[in-house]
Every structure is written in structure tokens, then in C-alpha cells.
PDB file of N, CA and C in Angstrom:
ATOM      1  N   MET A   1     -17.057  15.765  10.357  1.00  0.00           N
ATOM      2  CA  MET A   1     -15.958  16.948  10.325  1.00  0.00           C
ATOM      3  C   MET A   1     -14.703  16.248   9.368  1.00  0.00           C
ATOM      4  N   LEU A   2     -13.931  17.621   8.643  1.00  0.00           N
ATOM      5  CA  LEU A   2     -13.475  17.769   7.682  1.00  0.00           C
ATOM      6  C   LEU A   2     -11.619  17.758   8.603  1.00  0.00           C
ATOM      7  N   SER A   3     -10.938  16.799   8.115  1.00  0.00           N
ATOM      8  CA  SER A   3      -9.250  16.818   7.822  1.00  0.00           C
ATOM      9  C   SER A   3      -8.596  17.448   7.295  1.00  0.00           C
ATOM     10  N   ILE A   4      -7.570  17.420   7.868  1.00  0.00           N
ATOM     11  CA  ILE A   4      -6.755  18.509   6.730  1.00  0.00           C
ATOM     12  C   ILE A   4      -6.773  18.257   5.659  1.00  0.00           C
ATOM     13  N   GLY A   5      -6.114  16.814   5.400  1.00  0.00           N
ATOM     14  CA  GLY A   5      -6.267  16.249   4.018  1.00  0.00           C
ATOM     15  C   GLY A   5      -7.326  16.385   3.543  1.00  0.00           C
ATOM     16  N   ASP A   6      -8.761  16.498   4.026  1.00  0.00           N
ATOM     17  CA  ASP A   6      -9.800  16.157   3.186  1.00  0.00           C
ATOM     18  C   ASP A   6     -10.299  17.388   3.333  1.00  0.00           C
ATOM     19  N   ALA A   7      -9.594  18.729   3.528  1.00  0.00           N
ATOM     20  CA  ALA A   7      -9.872  20.322   2.834  1.00  0.00           C
ATOM     21  C   ALA A   7      -9.078  20.566   2.216  1.00  0.00           C
ATOM     22  N   SER A   8      -7.727  20.151   2.723  1.00  0.00           N
ATOM     23  CA  SER A   8      -7.124  20.205   0.722  1.00  0.00           C
ATOM     24  C   SER A   8      -7.799  19.368  -0.187  1.00  0.00           C
ATOM     25  N   GLN A   9      -7.891  18.587   0.216  1.00  0.00           N
ATOM     26  CA  GLN A   9      -8.890  17.742  -1.678  1.00  0.00           C
ATOM     27  C   GLN A   9      -9.915  18.760  -1.276  1.00  0.00           C
ATOM     28  N   GLN A  10     -10.590  19.207  -1.050  1.00  0.00           N
ATOM     29  CA  GLN A  10     -11.643  20.128  -1.255  1.00  0.00           C
ATOM     30  C   GLN A  10     -11.292  20.683  -1.977  1.00  0.00           C
ATOM     31  N   CYS A  11     -10.514  22.389  -1.749  1.00  0.00           N
ATOM     32  CA  CYS A  11      -9.446  23.088  -1.741  1.00  0.00           C
ATOM     33  C   CYS A  11      -9.102  22.855  -3.298  1.00  0.00           C
ATOM     34  N   TYR A  12      -8.006  21.489  -3.433  1.00  0.00           N
ATOM     35  CA  TYR A  12      -8.064  21.533  -4.998  1.00  0.00           C
ATOM     36  C   TYR A  12      -8.726  21.456  -6.214  1.00  0.00           C
ATOM     37  N   LYS A  13     -10.395  20.673  -5.836  1.00  0.00           N
ATOM     38  CA  LYS A  13     -11.205  20.716  -6.045  1.00  0.00           C
ATOM     39  C   LYS A  13     -11.893  21.604  -6.623  1.00  0.00           C
ATOM     40  N   ALA A  14     -11.687  22.063  -5.940  1.00  0.00           N
ATOM     41  CA  ALA A  14     -12.872  23.889  -6.086  1.00  0.00           C
ATOM     42  C   ALA A  14     -11.668  24.440  -7.397  1.00  0.00           C
ATOM     43  N   MET A  15     -10.729  23.966  -6.619  1.00  0.00           N
ATOM     44  CA  MET A  15      -9.735  25.273  -7.741  1.00  0.00           C
ATOM     45  C   MET A  15      -9.820  24.958  -9.524  1.00  0.00           C
ATOM     46  N   MET A  16      -9.810  23.216  -9.542  1.00  0.00           N
ATOM     47  CA  MET A  16      -9.323  22.640 -10.349  1.00  0.00           C
ATOM     48  C   MET A  16     -10.970  23.230 -11.209  1.00  0.00           C
ATOM     49  N   GLN A  17     -12.049  23.485 -10.552  1.00  0.00           N
ATOM     50  CA  GLN A  17     -13.357  24.071 -11.282  1.00  0.00           C
ATOM     51  C   GLN A  17     -13.818  25.158 -11.427  1.00  0.00           C
ATOM     52  N   ILE A  18     -12.919  26.265 -11.029  1.00  0.00           N
ATOM     53  CA  ILE A  18     -12.833  27.501 -10.820  1.00  0.00           C
ATOM     54  C   ILE A  18     -11.823  27.521 -12.063  1.00  0.00           C
ATOM     55  N   LEU A  19     -10.460  26.541 -11.686  1.00  0.00           N
ATOM     56  CA  LEU A  19     -10.176  26.847 -13.849  1.00  0.00           C
ATOM     57  C   LEU A  19     -10.786  26.862 -14.771  1.00  0.00           C
ATOM     58  N   TYR A  20     -11.617  25.387 -14.743  1.00  0.00           N
ATOM     59  CA  TYR A  20     -12.378  25.192 -15.496  1.00  0.00           C
ATOM     60  C   TYR A  20     -13.376  26.389 -16.044  1.00  0.00           C
ATOM     61  N   MET A  21     -13.953  26.554 -15.197  1.00  0.00           N
ATOM     62  CA  MET A  21     -15.131  27.783 -15.503  1.00  0.00           C
ATOM     63  C   MET A  21     -14.156  29.048 -16.286  1.00  0.00           C
ATOM     64  N   SER A  22     -13.476  29.578 -15.742  1.00  0.00           N
ATOM     65  CA  SER A  22     -12.830  30.421 -16.305  1.00  0.00           C
ATOM     66  C   SER A  22     -12.215  30.057 -18.058  1.00  0.00           C
ATOM     67  N   ASN A  23     -11.819  28.925 -18.286  1.00  0.00           N
ATOM     68  CA  ASN A  23     -11.825  28.605 -19.369  1.00  0.00           C
ATOM     69  C   ASN A  23     -12.300  28.745 -19.815  1.00  0.00           C
ATOM     70  N   ILE A  24     -14.148  28.098 -20.135  1.00  0.00           N
ATOM     71  CA  ILE A  24     -15.140  28.107 -20.536  1.00  0.00           C
ATOM     72  C   ILE A  24     -16.140  30.188 -20.517  1.00  0.00           C
ATOM     73  N   LEU A  25     -15.064  30.411 -19.907  1.00  0.00           N
ATOM     74  CA  LEU A  25     -16.052  31.556 -20.077  1.00  0.00           C
ATOM     75  C   LEU A  25     -14.786  32.706 -20.929  1.00  0.00           C
ATOM     76  N   GLU A  26     -13.436  32.346 -21.210  1.00  0.00           N
ATOM     77  CA  GLU A  26     -12.384  32.780 -21.885  1.00  0.00           C
ATOM     78  C   GLU A  26     -13.334  32.228 -23.297  1.00  0.00           C
ATOM     79  N   LYS A  27     -12.939  31.442 -23.287  1.00  0.00           N
ATOM     80  CA  LYS A  27     -13.209  30.982 -24.701  1.00  0.00           C
ATOM     81  C   LYS A  27     -14.908  31.271 -25.758  1.00  0.00           C
ATOM     82  N   ASN A  28     -15.794  31.397 -24.338  1.00  0.00           N
ATOM     83  CA  ASN A  28     -16.935  32.227 -25.174  1.00  0.00           C
ATOM     84  C   ASN A  28     -16.702  33.832 -25.531  1.00  0.00           C
ATOM     85  N   ASP A  29     -15.221  34.620 -24.837  1.00  0.00           N
ATOM     86  CA  ASP A  29     -15.703  35.728 -24.656  1.00  0.00           C
ATOM     87  C   ASP A  29     -16.405  36.242 -23.896  1.00  0.00           C
ATOM     88  N   LEU A  30     -16.351  35.624 -22.554  1.00  0.00           N
ATOM     89  CA  LEU A  30     -17.576  36.372 -21.374  1.00  0.00           C
ATOM     90  C   LEU A  30     -16.710  36.348 -20.225  1.00  0.00           C
ATOM     91  N   TYR A  31     -15.114  36.545 -20.382  1.00  0.00           N
ATOM     92  CA  TYR A  31     -14.490  36.953 -20.014  1.00  0.00           C
ATOM     93  C   TYR A  31     -14.024  38.422 -19.130  1.00  0.00           C
ATOM     94  N   VAL A  32     -14.555  38.752 -18.025  1.00  0.00           N
ATOM     95  CA  VAL A  32     -13.992  40.285 -17.640  1.00  0.00           C
ATOM     96  C   VAL A  32     -12.723  40.268 -16.931  1.00  0.00           C
ATOM     97  N   GLU A  33     -12.254  41.154 -16.760  1.00  0.00           N
ATOM     98  CA  GLU A  33     -11.003  41.350 -16.477  1.00  0.00           C
ATOM     99  C   GLU A  33     -11.621  41.655 -14.736  1.00  0.00           C
ATOM    100  N   ASP A  34     -11.534  42.000 -13.603  1.00  0.00           N
ATOM    101  CA  ASP A  34     -11.451  41.982 -12.624  1.00  0.00           C
ATOM    102  C   ASP A  34     -10.560  43.911 -12.321  1.00  0.00           C
ATOM    103  N   GLU A  35     -11.519  44.556 -12.076  1.00  0.00           N
ATOM    104  CA  GLU A  35     -10.809  45.504 -11.859  1.00  0.00           C
ATOM    105  C   GLU A  35     -10.425  45.261 -11.091  1.00  0.00           C
ATOM    106  N   ASN A  36      -9.903  44.575  -9.601  1.00  0.00           N
ATOM    107  CA  ASN A  36      -9.410  44.853  -8.427  1.00  0.00           C
ATOM    108  C   ASN A  36      -8.711  43.383  -8.072  1.00  0.00           C
ATOM    109  N   LYS A  37      -7.782  43.359  -9.078  1.00  0.00           N
ATOM    110  CA  LYS A  37      -7.039  42.487  -8.868  1.00  0.00           C
ATOM    111  C   LYS A  37      -6.040  41.640  -7.749  1.00  0.00           C
ATOM    112  N   ASP A  38      -6.237  42.284  -6.776  1.00  0.00           N
ATOM    113  CA  ASP A  38      -4.827  42.208  -5.502  1.00  0.00           C
ATOM    114  C   ASP A  38      -6.812  42.277  -4.059  1.00  0.00           C
ATOM    115  N   ASP A  39      -8.236  41.539  -4.693  1.00  0.00           N
ATOM    116  CA  ASP A  39      -8.623  40.955  -3.697  1.00  0.00           C
ATOM    117  C   ASP A  39      -7.914  39.842  -3.525  1.00  0.00           C
ATOM    118  N   ILE A  40      -7.083  39.315  -2.032  1.00  0.00           N
ATOM    119  CA  ILE A  40      -7.028  38.628  -1.499  1.00  0.00           C
ATOM    120  C   ILE A  40      -8.151  37.144  -1.147  1.00  0.00           C
ATOM    121  N   PHE A  41      -9.731  37.619  -1.740  1.00  0.00           N
ATOM    122  CA  PHE A  41     -10.668  36.270  -1.628  1.00  0.00           C
ATOM    123  C   PHE A  41     -10.369  35.443  -3.313  1.00  0.00           C
ATOM    124  N   SER A  42     -10.170  36.170  -4.142  1.00  0.00           N
ATOM    125  CA  SER A  42     -10.264  35.424  -5.443  1.00  0.00           C
ATOM    126  C   SER A  42      -8.588  34.789  -5.284  1.00  0.00           C
ATOM    127  N   ASP A  43      -7.880  35.081  -4.624  1.00  0.00           N
ATOM    128  CA  ASP A  43      -6.244  33.815  -5.279  1.00  0.00           C
ATOM    129  C   ASP A  43      -6.603  32.778  -4.257  1.00  0.00           C
ATOM    130  N   ILE A  44      -6.335  31.248  -5.812  1.00  0.00           N
ATOM    131  CA  ILE A  44      -6.777  30.492  -5.166  1.00  0.00           C
ATOM    132  C   ILE A  44      -5.428  30.226  -3.738  1.00  0.00           C
ATOM    133  N   ASN A  45      -4.431  30.519  -4.047  1.00  0.00           N
ATOM    134  CA  ASN A  45      -3.736  30.315  -3.250  1.00  0.00           C
ATOM    135  C   ASN A  45      -4.056  30.302  -2.009  1.00  0.00           C
ATOM    136  N   TYR A  46      -4.595  31.963  -1.384  1.00  0.00           N
ATOM    137  CA  TYR A  46      -5.243  32.643  -0.407  1.00  0.00           C
ATOM    138  C   TYR A  46      -5.950  31.340   0.145  1.00  0.00           C
ATOM    139  N   ILE A  47      -7.416  30.893  -0.648  1.00  0.00           N
ATOM    140  CA  ILE A  47      -7.578  29.936  -0.038  1.00  0.00           C
ATOM    141  C   ILE A  47      -7.259  29.163   0.033  1.00  0.00           C
ATOM    142  N   CYS A  48      -6.577  28.041  -0.895  1.00  0.00           N
ATOM    143  CA  CYS A  48      -5.900  27.007  -0.487  1.00  0.00           C
ATOM    144  C   CYS A  48      -5.188  26.967   0.616  1.00  0.00           C
ATOM    145  N   LYS A  49      -4.541  27.949   0.895  1.00  0.00           N
ATOM    146  CA  LYS A  49      -3.872  28.168   2.120  1.00  0.00           C
ATOM    147  C   LYS A  49      -4.348  28.283   3.583  1.00  0.00           C
ATOM    148  N   THR A  50      -5.655  28.702   3.466  1.00  0.00           N
ATOM    149  CA  THR A  50      -6.230  29.285   4.554  1.00  0.00           C
ATOM    150  C   THR A  50      -7.448  28.132   5.209  1.00  0.00           C
ATOM    151  N   THR A  51      -8.027  27.665   4.399  1.00  0.00           N
ATOM    152  CA  THR A  51      -8.881  26.261   4.179  1.00  0.00           C
ATOM    153  C   THR A  51      -8.747  25.167   5.158  1.00  0.00           C
ATOM    154  N   PRO A  52      -7.572  24.891   5.442  1.00  0.00           N
ATOM    155  CA  PRO A  52      -7.198  23.535   6.336  1.00  0.00           C
ATOM    156  C   PRO A  52      -6.583  25.281   7.789  1.00  0.00           C
ATOM    157  N   LEU A  53      -6.803  25.799   7.680  1.00  0.00           N
ATOM    158  CA  LEU A  53      -6.572  26.479   8.500  1.00  0.00           C
ATOM    159  C   LEU A  53      -7.644  26.965   9.971  1.00  0.00           C
ATOM    160  N   ILE A  54      -8.237  27.469   8.820  1.00  0.00           N
ATOM    161  CA  ILE A  54     -10.173  27.833   9.633  1.00  0.00           C
ATOM    162  C   ILE A  54     -10.981  26.818   9.914  1.00  0.00           C
ATOM    163  N   VAL A  55     -10.450  25.116   9.115  1.00  0.00           N
ATOM    164  CA  VAL A  55     -10.999  23.786   9.274  1.00  0.00           C
ATOM    165  C   VAL A  55     -10.762  23.223  10.776  1.00  0.00           C
ATOM    166  N   GLU A  56      -9.544  23.554  11.449  1.00  0.00           N
ATOM    167  CA  GLU A  56      -9.072  22.704  12.279  1.00  0.00           C
ATOM    168  C   GLU A  56      -9.415  23.936  13.075  1.00  0.00           C
ATOM    169  N   SER A  57      -9.171  25.337  13.343  1.00  0.00           N
ATOM    170  CA  SER A  57      -9.546  25.860  14.324  1.00  0.00           C
ATOM    171  C   SER A  57     -11.422  25.479  14.695  1.00  0.00           C
ATOM    172  N   LEU A  58     -12.133  25.532  13.841  1.00  0.00           N
ATOM    173  CA  LEU A  58     -13.503  25.528  13.807  1.00  0.00           C
ATOM    174  C   LEU A  58     -13.685  24.106  14.543  1.00  0.00           C
ATOM    175  N   LYS A  59     -12.761  23.197  13.561  1.00  0.00           N
ATOM    176  CA  LYS A  59     -12.738  21.690  14.449  1.00  0.00           C
ATOM    177  C   LYS A  59     -12.209  21.559  16.578  1.00  0.00           C
ATOM    178  N   ASN A  60     -11.798  22.842  16.690  1.00  0.00           N
ATOM    179  CA  ASN A  60     -11.132  22.441  18.024  1.00  0.00           C
ATOM    180  C   ASN A  60     -11.963  23.107  18.418  1.00  0.00           C
ATOM    181  N   GLY A  61     -13.083  23.927  18.713  1.00  0.00           N
ATOM    182  CA  GLY A  61     -14.296  25.099  18.947  1.00  0.00           C
ATOM    183  C   GLY A  61     -13.378  26.404  18.581  1.00  0.00           C
ATOM    184  N   LEU A  62     -12.756  27.315  17.936  1.00  0.00           N
ATOM    185  CA  LEU A  62     -12.412  28.345  18.502  1.00  0.00           C
ATOM    186  C   LEU A  62     -13.238  29.197  17.799  1.00  0.00           C
ATOM    187  N   ASP A  63     -13.403  30.498  17.735  1.00  0.00           N
ATOM    188  CA  ASP A  63     -14.396  31.211  16.860  1.00  0.00           C
ATOM    189  C   ASP A  63     -13.048  31.695  15.379  1.00  0.00           C
ATOM    190  N   VAL A  64     -13.894  32.383  14.544  1.00  0.00           N
ATOM    191  CA  VAL A  64     -13.120  31.763  13.801  1.00  0.00           C
ATOM    192  C   VAL A  64     -13.333  33.717  13.039  1.00  0.00           C
ATOM    193  N   ALA A  65     -12.926  34.382  12.623  1.00  0.00           N
ATOM    194  CA  ALA A  65     -13.169  35.742  12.260  1.00  0.00           C
ATOM    195  C   ALA A  65     -12.622  36.214  10.748  1.00  0.00           C
ATOM    196  N   GLN A  66     -12.806  35.984   9.462  1.00  0.00           N
ATOM    197  CA  GLN A  66     -11.789  36.662   8.964  1.00  0.00           C
ATOM    198  C   GLN A  66     -12.004  37.484   8.019  1.00  0.00           C
ATOM    199  N   LEU A  67     -11.376  38.732   8.278  1.00  0.00           N
ATOM    200  CA  LEU A  67     -11.323  40.068   8.166  1.00  0.00           C
ATOM    201  C   LEU A  67     -11.384  40.194   6.299  1.00  0.00           C
ATOM    202  N   PRO A  68     -12.015  41.901   5.846  1.00  0.00           N
ATOM    203  CA  PRO A  68     -11.548  42.210   5.060  1.00  0.00           C
ATOM    204  C   PRO A  68     -10.785  41.996   3.845  1.00  0.00           C
ATOM    205  N   ASN A  69      -9.164  42.518   4.688  1.00  0.00           N
ATOM    206  CA  ASN A  69      -7.899  42.228   4.146  1.00  0.00           C
ATOM    207  C   ASN A  69      -7.336  40.797   3.831  1.00  0.00           C
ATOM    208  N   GLY A  70      -7.781  39.781   4.627  1.00  0.00           N
ATOM    209  CA  GLY A  70      -8.054  38.581   4.890  1.00  0.00           C
ATOM    210  C   GLY A  70      -6.959  38.387   5.422  1.00  0.00           C
ATOM    211  N   ASP A  71      -7.107  38.960   6.906  1.00  0.00           N
ATOM    212  CA  ASP A  71      -6.344  38.487   8.090  1.00  0.00           C
ATOM    213  C   ASP A  71      -7.610  37.694   8.529  1.00  0.00           C
ATOM    214  N   ILE A  72      -6.779  36.206   9.694  1.00  0.00           N
ATOM    215  CA  ILE A  72      -7.732  35.300  10.202  1.00  0.00           C
ATOM    216  C   ILE A  72      -7.784  35.725  11.688  1.00  0.00           C
ATOM    217  N   LEU A  73      -9.037  35.853  12.396  1.00  0.00           N
ATOM    218  CA  LEU A  73      -8.870  35.601  13.738  1.00  0.00           C
ATOM    219  C   LEU A  73      -9.304  34.939  14.743  1.00  0.00           C
ATOM    220  N   THR A  74      -8.808  34.056  15.534  1.00  0.00           N
ATOM    221  CA  THR A  74      -9.415  33.320  16.173  1.00  0.00           C
ATOM    222  C   THR A  74      -9.383  33.545  17.784  1.00  0.00           C
ATOM    223  N   THR A  75     -10.024  32.871  18.134  1.00  0.00           N
ATOM    224  CA  THR A  75     -10.696  33.508  19.810  1.00  0.00           C
ATOM    225  C   THR A  75     -10.691  32.127  20.357  1.00  0.00           C
ATOM    226  N   GLU A  76      -9.536  32.139  21.188  1.00  0.00           N
ATOM    227  CA  GLU A  76     -10.261  31.019  21.862  1.00  0.00           C
ATOM    228  C   GLU A  76     -10.867  30.923  23.512  1.00  0.00           C
ATOM    229  N   VAL A  77     -11.982  30.189  24.361  1.00  0.00           N
ATOM    230  CA  VAL A  77     -12.443  31.246  25.253  1.00  0.00           C
ATOM    231  C   VAL A  77     -11.679  29.629  26.989  1.00  0.00           C
ATOM    232  N   LYS A  78     -10.763  29.726  27.855  1.00  0.00           N
ATOM    233  CA  LYS A  78     -10.245  28.444  28.616  1.00  0.00           C
ATOM    234  C   LYS A  78     -11.333  28.396  29.720  1.00  0.00           C
ATOM    235  N   THR A  79     -11.523  28.104  30.171  1.00  0.00           N
ATOM    236  CA  THR A  79     -12.326  27.730  31.642  1.00  0.00           C
ATOM    237  C   THR A  79     -11.288  27.229  32.789  1.00  0.00           C
ATOM    238  N   VAL A  80     -11.305  28.194  33.940  1.00  0.00           N
ATOM    239  CA  VAL A  80     -10.540  28.232  35.049  1.00  0.00           C
ATOM    240  C   VAL A  80     -11.387  27.943  35.895  1.00  0.00           C
ATOM    241  N   ASN A  81     -11.256  26.378  36.535  1.00  0.00           N
ATOM    242  CA  ASN A  81     -11.869  26.493  37.594  1.00  0.00           C
ATOM    243  C   ASN A  81     -11.233  27.231  38.576  1.00  0.00           C
ATOM    244  N   THR A  82     -11.576  27.589  39.981  1.00  0.00           N
ATOM    245  CA  THR A  82     -11.385  27.850  41.121  1.00  0.00           C
ATOM    246  C   THR A  82     -12.130  27.813  41.954  1.00  0.00           C
ATOM    247  N   GLN A  83     -11.093  26.426  42.999  1.00  0.00           N
ATOM    248  CA  GLN A  83     -12.239  26.241  44.205  1.00  0.00           C
ATOM    249  C   GLN A  83     -11.685  27.338  45.650  1.00  0.00           C
ATOM    250  N   TYR A  84     -12.756  27.433  46.345  1.00  0.00           N
ATOM    251  CA  TYR A  84     -12.451  28.248  47.446  1.00  0.00           C
ATOM    252  C   TYR A  84     -12.665  27.683  48.588  1.00  0.00           C
ATOM    253  N   SER A  85     -12.478  27.982  49.736  1.00  0.00           N
ATOM    254  CA  SER A  85     -12.679  27.220  51.115  1.00  0.00           C
ATOM    255  C   SER A  85     -12.524  28.171  52.430  1.00  0.00           C
ATOM    256  N   TRP A  86     -13.873  27.317  52.759  1.00  0.00           N
ATOM    257  CA  TRP A  86     -14.253  28.293  54.296  1.00  0.00           C
ATOM    258  C   TRP A  86     -12.577  28.178  55.325  1.00  0.00           C
ATOM    259  N   ASP A  87     -12.093  28.898  55.926  1.00  0.00           N
ATOM    260  CA  ASP A  87     -11.532  28.234  56.846  1.00  0.00           C
ATOM    261  C   ASP A  87     -12.211  29.604  58.561  1.00  0.00           C
ATOM    262  N   LYS A  88     -12.152  28.827  58.659  1.00  0.00           N
ATOM    263  CA  LYS A  88     -13.420  28.318  60.255  1.00  0.00           C
ATOM    264  C   LYS A  88     -12.211  29.490  61.511  1.00  0.00           C
ATOM    265  N   THR A  89     -11.023  29.053  61.130  1.00  0.00           N
ATOM    266  CA  THR A  89     -10.285  29.938  62.405  1.00  0.00           C
ATOM    267  C   THR A  89     -10.172  31.227  62.467  1.00  0.00           C
ATOM    268  N   ARG A  90     -10.222  31.556  60.303  1.00  0.00           N
ATOM    269  CA  ARG A  90      -9.875  32.761  60.626  1.00  0.00           C
ATOM    270  C   ARG A  90     -11.370  33.702  60.022  1.00  0.00           C
ATOM    271  N   GLN A  91     -12.672  32.845  59.418  1.00  0.00           N
ATOM    272  CA  GLN A  91     -13.885  33.144  59.298  1.00  0.00           C
ATOM    273  C   GLN A  91     -13.794  34.123  57.681  1.00  0.00           C
ATOM    274  N   LYS A  92     -12.653  33.312  56.934  1.00  0.00           N
ATOM    275  CA  LYS A  92     -13.079  33.852  55.280  1.00  0.00           C
ATOM    276  C   LYS A  92     -13.220  33.079  54.701  1.00  0.00           C
ATOM    277  N   MET A  93     -12.907  33.646  53.444  1.00  0.00           N
ATOM    278  CA  MET A  93     -13.473  32.072  51.856  1.00  0.00           C
ATOM    279  C   MET A  93     -11.917  32.788  51.991  1.00  0.00           C
ATOM    280  N   PHE A  94     -10.535  31.154  51.073  1.00  0.00           N
ATOM    281  CA  PHE A  94      -9.633  31.366  50.291  1.00  0.00           C
ATOM    282  C   PHE A  94      -9.433  30.373  49.354  1.00  0.00           C
ATOM    283  N   LYS A  95      -8.344  31.053  48.737  1.00  0.00           N
ATOM    284  CA  LYS A  95      -9.136  30.247  47.407  1.00  0.00           C
ATOM    285  C   LYS A  95      -7.870  28.911  47.665  1.00  0.00           C
ATOM    286  N   ALA A  96      -8.788  27.859  47.439  1.00  0.00           N
ATOM    287  CA  ALA A  96      -7.640  26.569  47.658  1.00  0.00           C
ATOM    288  C   ALA A  96      -7.281  25.827  46.787  1.00  0.00           C
ATOM    289  N   SER A  97      -7.438  26.253  45.203  1.00  0.00           N
ATOM    290  CA  SER A  97      -7.125  25.393  43.990  1.00  0.00           C
ATOM    291  C   SER A  97      -7.433  25.999  42.908  1.00  0.00           C
ATOM    292  N   GLN A  98      -7.065  26.243  41.741  1.00  0.00           N
ATOM    293  CA  GLN A  98      -6.842  26.631  40.871  1.00  0.00           C
ATOM    294  C   GLN A  98      -6.534  25.747  39.674  1.00  0.00           C
ATOM    295  N   SER A  99      -7.120  25.725  38.416  1.00  0.00           N
ATOM    296  CA  SER A  99      -6.689  25.227  37.173  1.00  0.00           C
ATOM    297  C   SER A  99      -7.724  25.558  35.596  1.00  0.00           C
TER     298      SER A  99
END
């Protein structure tokens, strides 16, 4: 499992690799301007800020979905335990406790 610190460190390393590769492409005239500059998934700040959120959410057992616009949805399922007992005098079940 990754900690928040590990995720940040990996994000930093990835950012440095991207910058290194961008410099090589640009120096060799292989760099192509991206037509869609608003692509959130190529924004290194977005990647670095969302990676710890995603890692922590997954670590805590949540489902994570990343939408095309960059929004992140997390879904958490909580377990509710309800105990029912039989009431002999009233001849029916009743809710004894819930947690």
C-alpha cells in the first residue's frame, strides 16, 4: 500500500520524467502542440493533487471513479447490523438494536 508521502514522491518522479521527455522531444523537433490544451488529465498539477486522494480512498476500501471532466466520485458502502427479537406476548418480531 502507498502512503500519501509515497504517492507524492511518485508523482514528483513522474512529473520530472515527463519534463525530461518533453525537453528531449522539443530539442529534436518532435514536440507537437496539443490541440486540446484544456485536457485535465495532462495537467501535472491535477495529477499530483488527485493522486493522494485516489490512493487514500482506495486504501480505505472506497470505490473510485474519475469522470472525463476530471471530477472524482467515491462510493462508500456502510454495513448496518440490525437485530430483531421475537416478542412472545405480542407474537411478532421487534427491532432490538441497530448499529
